[in-house]
Amino acid sequence: MNGAMSVYCLKDGLKEVQERLNAQKKLLKGCNREIGEAHTEKSQLVKDMNNMQLQVQELEHKVSKCNKDSNDAAKLVCDLFMAALSNRAGHYIFALWFLLSSSFFSSPKLS
């Protein structure tokens, strides 16, 4: 009977170990799923960040181009003004036009 009792104890112990192993497997599967979800979220965030960096570069390029265009326009107006000053007949007409249209050439206010 002692041998039968040992076998019963071993079977009972084996069942307990298998239950613990199954619980650990279930826990490990849950952790692996969470890791996969976190990796997917990280990948999406990196992709979004790269897209935003590209948009920032595009906007910086547009601002730079607008600044250059504004400076070129101001230089052109200044050159035209100087040319009109050198021409006595057109001096007063151009000066009047320049004063009236100066608000047209002013820099836009950025908010």
N, C-alpha and C. Protein backbone atom coordinates (compact mmCIF):
# COMPACT_ATOMS: atom_id res chain seq x y z
N MET A 1 0.81 -1.18 0.00
CA MET A 1 0.00 0.00 0.00
C MET A 1 0.86 1.25 0.00
N ASN A 2 2.02 1.17 0.55
CA ASN A 2 2.94 2.29 0.61
C ASN A 2 3.37 2.72 -0.78
N GLY A 3 3.57 1.78 -1.69
CA GLY A 3 3.94 2.08 -3.06
C GLY A 3 2.80 2.78 -3.79
N ALA A 4 1.57 2.35 -3.55
CA ALA A 4 0.40 2.95 -4.17
C ALA A 4 0.22 4.38 -3.69
N MET A 5 0.53 4.61 -2.42
CA MET A 5 0.44 5.93 -1.84
C MET A 5 1.48 6.84 -2.46
N SER A 6 2.67 6.34 -2.73
CA SER A 6 3.74 7.13 -3.36
C SER A 6 3.35 7.52 -4.77
N VAL A 7 2.77 6.57 -5.51
CA VAL A 7 2.35 6.86 -6.87
C VAL A 7 1.25 7.92 -6.84
N TYR A 8 0.31 7.79 -5.91
CA TYR A 8 -0.77 8.78 -5.79
C TYR A 8 -0.19 10.16 -5.47
N CYS A 9 0.78 10.21 -4.54
CA CYS A 9 1.41 11.49 -4.18
C CYS A 9 2.15 12.08 -5.37
N LEU A 10 2.84 11.23 -6.13
CA LEU A 10 3.57 11.71 -7.31
C LEU A 10 2.60 12.25 -8.36
N LYS A 11 1.49 11.53 -8.60
CA LYS A 11 0.51 11.99 -9.57
C LYS A 11 -0.10 13.32 -9.12
N ASP A 12 -0.38 13.43 -7.84
CA ASP A 12 -0.95 14.66 -7.30
C ASP A 12 0.05 15.81 -7.43
N GLY A 13 1.32 15.52 -7.13
CA GLY A 13 2.36 16.53 -7.27
C GLY A 13 2.55 16.94 -8.73
N LEU A 14 2.50 15.95 -9.63
CA LEU A 14 2.64 16.23 -11.07
C LEU A 14 1.48 17.11 -11.55
N LYS A 15 0.28 16.83 -11.09
CA LYS A 15 -0.89 17.61 -11.48
C LYS A 15 -0.72 19.06 -11.01
N GLU A 16 -0.23 19.23 -9.79
CA GLU A 16 -0.02 20.58 -9.25
C GLU A 16 1.04 21.33 -10.05
N VAL A 17 2.11 20.65 -10.41
CA VAL A 17 3.18 21.27 -11.21
C VAL A 17 2.65 21.66 -12.59
N GLN A 18 1.83 20.79 -13.21
CA GLN A 18 1.26 21.09 -14.52
C GLN A 18 0.32 22.29 -14.45
N GLU A 19 -0.44 22.41 -13.39
CA GLU A 19 -1.33 23.55 -13.22
C GLU A 19 -0.52 24.85 -13.09
N ARG A 20 0.56 24.78 -12.31
CA ARG A 20 1.42 25.97 -12.17
C ARG A 20 2.08 26.32 -13.49
N LEU A 21 2.50 25.28 -14.22
CA LEU A 21 3.12 25.50 -15.53
C LEU A 21 2.12 26.13 -16.50
N ASN A 22 0.89 25.65 -16.50
CA ASN A 22 -0.14 26.22 -17.36
C ASN A 22 -0.44 27.66 -16.99
N ALA A 23 -0.45 27.96 -15.69
CA ALA A 23 -0.68 29.34 -15.25
C ALA A 23 0.47 30.24 -15.72
N GLN A 24 1.71 29.75 -15.63
CA GLN A 24 2.86 30.53 -16.09
C GLN A 24 2.83 30.72 -17.60
N LYS A 25 2.41 29.69 -18.34
CA LYS A 25 2.29 29.81 -19.79
C LYS A 25 1.25 30.87 -20.16
N LYS A 26 0.13 30.84 -19.44
CA LYS A 26 -0.93 31.82 -19.70
C LYS A 26 -0.43 33.23 -19.41
N LEU A 27 0.29 33.40 -18.31
CA LEU A 27 0.86 34.70 -17.96
C LEU A 27 1.86 35.15 -19.02
N LEU A 28 2.69 34.23 -19.48
CA LEU A 28 3.69 34.55 -20.50
C LEU A 28 3.03 34.95 -21.82
N LYS A 29 1.96 34.27 -22.20
CA LYS A 29 1.24 34.64 -23.42
C LYS A 29 0.68 36.05 -23.31
N GLY A 30 0.13 36.38 -22.14
CA GLY A 30 -0.40 37.73 -21.92
C GLY A 30 0.70 38.78 -22.02
N CYS A 31 1.85 38.48 -21.45
CA CYS A 31 2.98 39.42 -21.53
C CYS A 31 3.45 39.59 -22.97
N ASN A 32 3.53 38.48 -23.70
CA ASN A 32 3.95 38.56 -25.10
C ASN A 32 2.97 39.38 -25.93
N ARG A 33 1.68 39.25 -25.65
CA ARG A 33 0.66 40.03 -26.36
C ARG A 33 0.85 41.51 -26.05
N GLU A 34 1.07 41.86 -24.79
CA GLU A 34 1.27 43.25 -24.40
C GLU A 34 2.54 43.82 -25.04
N ILE A 35 3.58 43.02 -25.10
CA ILE A 35 4.83 43.46 -25.74
C ILE A 35 4.59 43.73 -27.22
N GLY A 36 3.85 42.85 -27.88
CA GLY A 36 3.52 43.04 -29.30
C GLY A 36 2.71 44.31 -29.53
N GLU A 37 1.74 44.56 -28.66
CA GLU A 37 0.92 45.77 -28.79
C GLU A 37 1.76 47.03 -28.56
N ALA A 38 2.66 46.96 -27.56
CA ALA A 38 3.53 48.11 -27.29
C ALA A 38 4.47 48.36 -28.47
N HIS A 39 4.98 47.30 -29.07
CA HIS A 39 5.87 47.44 -30.23
C HIS A 39 5.12 48.06 -31.41
N THR A 40 3.89 47.62 -31.63
CA THR A 40 3.07 48.19 -32.71
C THR A 40 2.81 49.67 -32.47
N GLU A 41 2.48 50.02 -31.23
CA GLU A 41 2.23 51.42 -30.89
C GLU A 41 3.50 52.25 -31.08
N LYS A 42 4.64 51.71 -30.66
CA LYS A 42 5.91 52.41 -30.82
C LYS A 42 6.19 52.66 -32.30
N SER A 43 5.97 51.66 -33.12
CA SER A 43 6.21 51.81 -34.56
C SER A 43 5.33 52.91 -35.15
N GLN A 44 4.07 52.95 -34.74
CA GLN A 44 3.16 53.98 -35.25
C GLN A 44 3.59 55.36 -34.79
N LEU A 45 4.03 55.47 -33.53
CA LEU A 45 4.48 56.76 -33.01
C LEU A 45 5.74 57.24 -33.74
N VAL A 46 6.66 56.33 -34.03
CA VAL A 46 7.87 56.70 -34.78
C VAL A 46 7.49 57.18 -36.18
N LYS A 47 6.56 56.48 -36.81
CA LYS A 47 6.09 56.86 -38.15
C LYS A 47 5.45 58.25 -38.10
N ASP A 48 4.59 58.49 -37.11
CA ASP A 48 3.95 59.81 -36.96
C ASP A 48 4.98 60.90 -36.72
N MET A 49 5.98 60.61 -35.89
CA MET A 49 7.02 61.59 -35.60
C MET A 49 7.81 61.94 -36.87
N ASN A 50 8.13 60.94 -37.67
CA ASN A 50 8.85 61.19 -38.92
C ASN A 50 8.03 62.04 -39.87
N ASN A 51 6.72 61.78 -39.94
CA ASN A 51 5.84 62.59 -40.80
C ASN A 51 5.79 64.03 -40.30
N MET A 52 5.73 64.22 -38.99
CA MET A 52 5.70 65.57 -38.44
C MET A 52 7.02 66.30 -38.68
N GLN A 53 8.13 65.60 -38.58
CA GLN A 53 9.42 66.22 -38.86
C GLN A 53 9.50 66.67 -40.32
N LEU A 54 8.95 65.86 -41.21
CA LEU A 54 8.91 66.23 -42.63
C LEU A 54 8.04 67.47 -42.83
N GLN A 55 6.91 67.54 -42.15
CA GLN A 55 6.05 68.72 -42.26
C GLN A 55 6.76 69.96 -41.73
N VAL A 56 7.51 69.82 -40.64
CA VAL A 56 8.25 70.95 -40.09
C VAL A 56 9.28 71.44 -41.09
N GLN A 57 9.99 70.51 -41.73
CA GLN A 57 10.98 70.90 -42.74
C GLN A 57 10.32 71.61 -43.92
N GLU A 58 9.17 71.12 -44.34
CA GLU A 58 8.46 71.77 -45.45
C GLU A 58 8.04 73.19 -45.07
N LEU A 59 7.52 73.35 -43.86
CA LEU A 59 7.10 74.68 -43.41
C LEU A 59 8.29 75.62 -43.25
N GLU A 60 9.40 75.10 -42.74
CA GLU A 60 10.60 75.94 -42.62
C GLU A 60 11.07 76.40 -44.00
N HIS A 61 10.98 75.52 -44.99
CA HIS A 61 11.36 75.88 -46.36
C HIS A 61 10.43 76.98 -46.89
N LYS A 62 9.12 76.84 -46.64
CA LYS A 62 8.17 77.85 -47.10
C LYS A 62 8.43 79.20 -46.44
N VAL A 63 8.72 79.19 -45.14
CA VAL A 63 9.01 80.44 -44.42
C VAL A 63 10.27 81.07 -44.98
N SER A 64 11.28 80.26 -45.22
CA SER A 64 12.53 80.77 -45.77
C SER A 64 12.30 81.39 -47.15
N LYS A 65 11.51 80.71 -47.99
CA LYS A 65 11.21 81.22 -49.32
C LYS A 65 10.42 82.54 -49.23
N CYS A 66 9.45 82.59 -48.32
CA CYS A 66 8.66 83.83 -48.15
C CYS A 66 9.56 84.97 -47.69
N ASN A 67 10.47 84.69 -46.76
CA ASN A 67 11.39 85.74 -46.30
C ASN A 67 12.27 86.23 -47.45
N LYS A 68 12.76 85.30 -48.27
CA LYS A 68 13.59 85.69 -49.42
C LYS A 68 12.78 86.53 -50.40
N ASP A 69 11.55 86.07 -50.71
CA ASP A 69 10.69 86.82 -51.63
C ASP A 69 10.38 88.22 -51.08
N SER A 70 10.14 88.30 -49.78
CA SER A 70 9.86 89.59 -49.17
C SER A 70 11.07 90.52 -49.27
N ASN A 71 12.25 89.98 -48.99
CA ASN A 71 13.47 90.79 -49.11
C ASN A 71 13.72 91.23 -50.55
N ASP A 72 13.48 90.31 -51.50
CA ASP A 72 13.64 90.66 -52.91
C ASP A 72 12.66 91.76 -53.33
N ALA A 73 11.41 91.66 -52.85
CA ALA A 73 10.41 92.68 -53.18
C ALA A 73 10.79 94.02 -52.58
N ALA A 74 11.27 94.01 -51.33
CA ALA A 74 11.67 95.27 -50.69
C ALA A 74 12.85 95.90 -51.45
N LYS A 75 13.78 95.08 -51.90
CA LYS A 75 14.92 95.60 -52.67
C LYS A 75 14.44 96.18 -53.99
N LEU A 76 13.52 95.50 -54.64
CA LEU A 76 12.99 95.99 -55.91
C LEU A 76 12.29 97.33 -55.72
N VAL A 77 11.47 97.46 -54.69
CA VAL A 77 10.78 98.72 -54.42
C VAL A 77 11.80 99.81 -54.13
N CYS A 78 12.81 99.48 -53.35
CA CYS A 78 13.85 100.47 -53.05
C CYS A 78 14.57 100.90 -54.33
N ASP A 79 14.89 99.94 -55.19
CA ASP A 79 15.55 100.27 -56.46
C ASP A 79 14.65 101.13 -57.33
N LEU A 80 13.36 100.79 -57.38
CA LEU A 80 12.42 101.60 -58.16
C LEU A 80 12.30 103.01 -57.58
N PHE A 81 12.28 103.10 -56.29
CA PHE A 81 12.20 104.39 -55.63
C PHE A 81 13.43 105.23 -55.96
N MET A 82 14.60 104.60 -55.90
CA MET A 82 15.84 105.32 -56.21
C MET A 82 15.86 105.74 -57.68
N ALA A 83 15.35 104.88 -58.57
CA ALA A 83 15.29 105.22 -59.99
C ALA A 83 14.34 106.40 -60.21
N ALA A 84 13.22 106.40 -59.50
CA ALA A 84 12.26 107.49 -59.63
C ALA A 84 12.83 108.79 -59.09
N LEU A 85 13.62 108.70 -58.03
CA LEU A 85 14.23 109.90 -57.47
C LEU A 85 15.22 110.52 -58.45
N SER A 86 15.89 109.66 -59.20
CA SER A 86 16.86 110.19 -60.16
C SER A 86 16.16 110.82 -61.37
N ASN A 87 14.92 110.50 -61.59
CA ASN A 87 14.15 111.07 -62.68
C ASN A 87 13.28 112.19 -62.11
N ARG A 88 13.66 113.43 -62.33
CA ARG A 88 12.97 114.58 -61.72
C ARG A 88 11.49 114.65 -62.11
N ALA A 89 11.17 114.31 -63.34
CA ALA A 89 9.78 114.43 -63.79
C ALA A 89 8.88 113.44 -63.04
N GLY A 90 9.36 112.25 -62.80
CA GLY A 90 8.52 111.25 -62.14
C GLY A 90 8.66 111.24 -60.64
N HIS A 91 9.50 112.08 -60.09
CA HIS A 91 9.79 112.06 -58.67
C HIS A 91 8.54 112.22 -57.80
N TYR A 92 7.76 113.25 -58.04
CA TYR A 92 6.62 113.51 -57.18
C TYR A 92 5.52 112.46 -57.37
N ILE A 93 5.31 112.04 -58.59
CA ILE A 93 4.28 111.03 -58.86
C ILE A 93 4.66 109.71 -58.18
N PHE A 94 5.94 109.33 -58.31
CA PHE A 94 6.36 108.06 -57.71
C PHE A 94 6.36 108.15 -56.19
N ALA A 95 6.79 109.27 -55.64
CA ALA A 95 6.79 109.42 -54.18
C ALA A 95 5.38 109.32 -53.64
N LEU A 96 4.42 109.93 -54.33
CA LEU A 96 3.03 109.86 -53.91
C LEU A 96 2.53 108.42 -54.00
N TRP A 97 2.83 107.76 -55.09
CA TRP A 97 2.42 106.37 -55.25
C TRP A 97 3.06 105.51 -54.15
N PHE A 98 4.32 105.74 -53.88
CA PHE A 98 5.03 104.96 -52.87
C PHE A 98 4.41 105.14 -51.49
N LEU A 99 4.08 106.34 -51.14
CA LEU A 99 3.48 106.60 -49.83
C LEU A 99 2.10 105.98 -49.71
N LEU A 100 1.33 106.03 -50.80
CA LEU A 100 -0.01 105.48 -50.76
C LEU A 100 -0.01 103.95 -50.76
N SER A 101 0.98 103.35 -51.38
CA SER A 101 0.99 101.89 -51.47
C SER A 101 1.94 101.24 -50.47
N SER A 102 2.50 102.00 -49.56
CA SER A 102 3.47 101.42 -48.63
C SER A 102 2.83 100.34 -47.75
N SER A 103 1.54 100.49 -47.47
CA SER A 103 0.89 99.44 -46.65
C SER A 103 0.78 98.14 -47.44
N PHE A 104 0.74 98.24 -48.76
CA PHE A 104 0.67 97.04 -49.59
C PHE A 104 1.97 96.23 -49.49
N PHE A 105 3.10 96.91 -49.34
CA PHE A 105 4.39 96.24 -49.31
C PHE A 105 4.85 95.92 -47.89
N SER A 106 4.09 96.25 -46.91
CA SER A 106 4.53 95.99 -45.53
C SER A 106 4.51 94.49 -45.27
N SER A 107 5.33 94.06 -44.31
CA SER A 107 5.42 92.64 -43.99
C SER A 107 4.14 92.17 -43.32
N PRO A 108 3.69 90.98 -43.69
CA PRO A 108 2.50 90.43 -43.03
C PRO A 108 2.85 90.06 -41.59
N LYS A 109 1.88 90.22 -40.72
CA LYS A 109 2.12 89.88 -39.30
C LYS A 109 1.83 88.41 -39.12
N LEU A 110 2.83 87.71 -38.58
CA LEU A 110 2.66 86.28 -38.33
C LEU A 110 2.14 86.10 -36.92
N SER A 111 1.17 85.21 -36.76
CA SER A 111 0.64 84.98 -35.42
C SER A 111 1.13 83.68 -34.87
